Amino acid sequence: MAKAADKLMNIDGIEASFALLRADNTVTISARSHDKINVQIIMQKLGGGGHFDSAGAQVAATDTREVLSKLREAIDQYLDKTTN
């Protein structure tokens, strides 16, 4: 999963990547970025942490779509704060 998030960062124009994996009752998120987006702050909103450009979270949930929705909300909140 971390390798997938790393690989996505090689695509032109991508500033941050998020890879999700559900196993049993946990959804794990691996987040990566270049120097513009602080993925640590985004992952903290989901109970995780890490560093500015490499972070992650584990969310107890059986529905990946629910976690993806929370992730999108956390990204939107971060972007709203940093662009205003």
C-alpha atoms as a PDB file:
ATOM      1  CA  MET A   1       0.000   0.000   0.000  1.00  0.00           C
ATOM      2  CA  ALA A   2       2.812   2.422   0.856  1.00  0.00           C
ATOM      3  CA  LYS A   3       4.479   1.497  -2.432  1.00  0.00           C
ATOM      4  CA  ALA A   4       1.256   2.274  -4.301  1.00  0.00           C
ATOM      5  CA  ALA A   5       1.048   5.719  -2.673  1.00  0.00           C
ATOM      6  CA  ASP A   6       4.733   6.305  -3.508  1.00  0.00           C
ATOM      7  CA  LYS A   7       4.244   5.228  -7.122  1.00  0.00           C
ATOM      8  CA  LEU A   8       1.281   7.587  -7.589  1.00  0.00           C
ATOM      9  CA  MET A   9       3.577  10.484  -6.690  1.00  0.00           C
ATOM     10  CA  ASN A  10       5.490   9.865  -9.937  1.00  0.00           C
ATOM     11  CA  ILE A  11       2.519  10.987 -12.050  1.00  0.00           C
ATOM     12  CA  ASP A  12       2.902  14.519 -13.413  1.00  0.00           C
ATOM     13  CA  GLY A  13       0.663  17.023 -11.656  1.00  0.00           C
ATOM     14  CA  ILE A  14       0.002  14.875  -8.575  1.00  0.00           C
ATOM     15  CA  GLU A  15       0.642  16.811  -5.364  1.00  0.00           C
ATOM     16  CA  ALA A  16      -0.566  14.156  -2.901  1.00  0.00           C
ATOM     17  CA  SER A  17      -1.649  10.533  -2.989  1.00  0.00           C
ATOM     18  CA  PHE A  18      -3.741   8.381  -0.694  1.00  0.00           C
ATOM     19  CA  ALA A  19      -3.922   4.586  -0.869  1.00  0.00           C
ATOM     20  CA  LEU A  20      -6.569   2.686   1.126  1.00  0.00           C
ATOM     21  CA  LEU A  21      -6.702  -0.978   2.069  1.00  0.00           C
ATOM     22  CA  ARG A  22      -9.406  -2.741   4.057  1.00  0.00           C
ATOM     23  CA  ALA A  23      -8.487  -5.842   6.031  1.00  0.00           C
ATOM     24  CA  ASP A  24     -10.987  -7.334   8.450  1.00  0.00           C
ATOM     25  CA  ASN A  25     -12.525  -4.393  10.338  1.00  0.00           C
ATOM     26  CA  THR A  26      -9.788  -1.838   9.663  1.00  0.00           C
ATOM     27  CA  VAL A  27      -9.140   0.509   6.769  1.00  0.00           C
ATOM     28  CA  THR A  28      -5.501   1.539   6.535  1.00  0.00           C
ATOM     29  CA  ILE A  29      -4.529   4.709   4.661  1.00  0.00           C
ATOM     30  CA  SER A  30      -1.071   5.525   3.358  1.00  0.00           C
ATOM     31  CA  ALA A  31      -0.564   9.161   2.354  1.00  0.00           C
ATOM     32  CA  ARG A  32       2.294  10.793   0.458  1.00  0.00           C
ATOM     33  CA  SER A  33       2.953  14.298  -0.830  1.00  0.00           C
ATOM     34  CA  HIS A  34       5.510  16.607  -2.304  1.00  0.00           C
ATOM     35  CA  ASP A  35       6.315  19.882  -0.587  1.00  0.00           C
ATOM     36  CA  LYS A  36       2.913  21.614  -0.958  1.00  0.00           C
ATOM     37  CA  ILE A  37       0.396  19.478   0.960  1.00  0.00           C
ATOM     38  CA  ASN A  38       0.866  18.458   4.590  1.00  0.00           C
ATOM     39  CA  VAL A  39      -0.565  14.944   4.661  1.00  0.00           C
ATOM     40  CA  GLN A  40       0.213  14.636   8.378  1.00  0.00           C
ATOM     41  CA  ILE A  41      -2.509  17.180   9.191  1.00  0.00           C
ATOM     42  CA  ILE A  42      -4.993  15.337   6.970  1.00  0.00           C
ATOM     43  CA  MET A  43      -4.192  11.966   8.559  1.00  0.00           C
ATOM     44  CA  GLN A  44      -4.464  13.441  12.070  1.00  0.00           C
ATOM     45  CA  LYS A  45      -8.121  14.225  11.340  1.00  0.00           C
ATOM     46  CA  LEU A  46      -8.603  10.475  10.866  1.00  0.00           C
ATOM     47  CA  GLY A  47      -6.734   9.508  14.029  1.00  0.00           C
ATOM     48  CA  GLY A  48      -3.369   8.941  12.375  1.00  0.00           C
ATOM     49  CA  GLY A  49      -0.170  10.899  12.016  1.00  0.00           C
ATOM     50  CA  GLY A  50       3.273  10.901  10.495  1.00  0.00           C
ATOM     51  CA  HIS A  51       5.306  13.545   8.763  1.00  0.00           C
ATOM     52  CA  PHE A  52       4.607  16.441   6.393  1.00  0.00           C
ATOM     53  CA  ASP A  53       5.161  14.308   3.281  1.00  0.00           C
ATOM     54  CA  SER A  54       4.538  10.771   4.564  1.00  0.00           C
ATOM     55  CA  ALA A  55       1.713   9.816   6.912  1.00  0.00           C
ATOM     56  CA  GLY A  56      -0.931   7.231   7.573  1.00  0.00           C
ATOM     57  CA  ALA A  57      -3.949   6.216   9.585  1.00  0.00           C
ATOM     58  CA  GLN A  58      -5.845   3.109  10.617  1.00  0.00           C
ATOM     59  CA  VAL A  59      -9.599   3.517  10.900  1.00  0.00           C
ATOM     60  CA  ALA A  60     -11.789   0.859  12.499  1.00  0.00           C
ATOM     61  CA  ALA A  61     -14.519   0.356   9.892  1.00  0.00           C
ATOM     62  CA  THR A  62     -15.925  -2.333   7.669  1.00  0.00           C
ATOM     63  CA  ASP A  63     -17.034   0.062   4.933  1.00  0.00           C
ATOM     64  CA  THR A  64     -14.214   1.503   2.820  1.00  0.00           C
ATOM     65  CA  ARG A  65     -16.625   4.014   1.247  1.00  0.00           C
ATOM     66  CA  GLU A  66     -17.342   5.489   4.677  1.00  0.00           C
ATOM     67  CA  VAL A  67     -13.620   5.987   5.330  1.00  0.00           C
ATOM     68  CA  LEU A  68     -13.115   7.412   1.838  1.00  0.00           C
ATOM     69  CA  SER A  69     -15.874   9.930   2.535  1.00  0.00           C
ATOM     70  CA  LYS A  70     -14.171  10.961   5.796  1.00  0.00           C
ATOM     71  CA  LEU A  71     -10.855  11.243   3.956  1.00  0.00           C
ATOM     72  CA  ARG A  72     -12.380  13.488   1.284  1.00  0.00           C
ATOM     73  CA  GLU A  73     -13.880  15.667   4.012  1.00  0.00           C
ATOM     74  CA  ALA A  74     -10.498  15.949   5.766  1.00  0.00           C
ATOM     75  CA  ILE A  75      -8.801  16.867   2.460  1.00  0.00           C
ATOM     76  CA  ASP A  76     -11.471  19.492   1.696  1.00  0.00           C
ATOM     77  CA  GLN A  77     -11.100  21.021   5.178  1.00  0.00           C
ATOM     78  CA  TYR A  78      -7.316  21.153   4.777  1.00  0.00           C
ATOM     79  CA  LEU A  79      -7.538  22.752   1.331  1.00  0.00           C
ATOM     80  CA  ASP A  80     -10.142  25.285   2.524  1.00  0.00           C
ATOM     81  CA  LYS A  81      -7.800  26.405   5.318  1.00  0.00           C
ATOM     82  CA  THR A  82      -4.691  26.590   3.158  1.00  0.00           C
ATOM     83  CA  THR A  83      -6.237  28.346   0.146  1.00  0.00           C
ATOM     84  CA  ASN A  84      -8.102  31.074   2.044  1.00  0.00           C
END
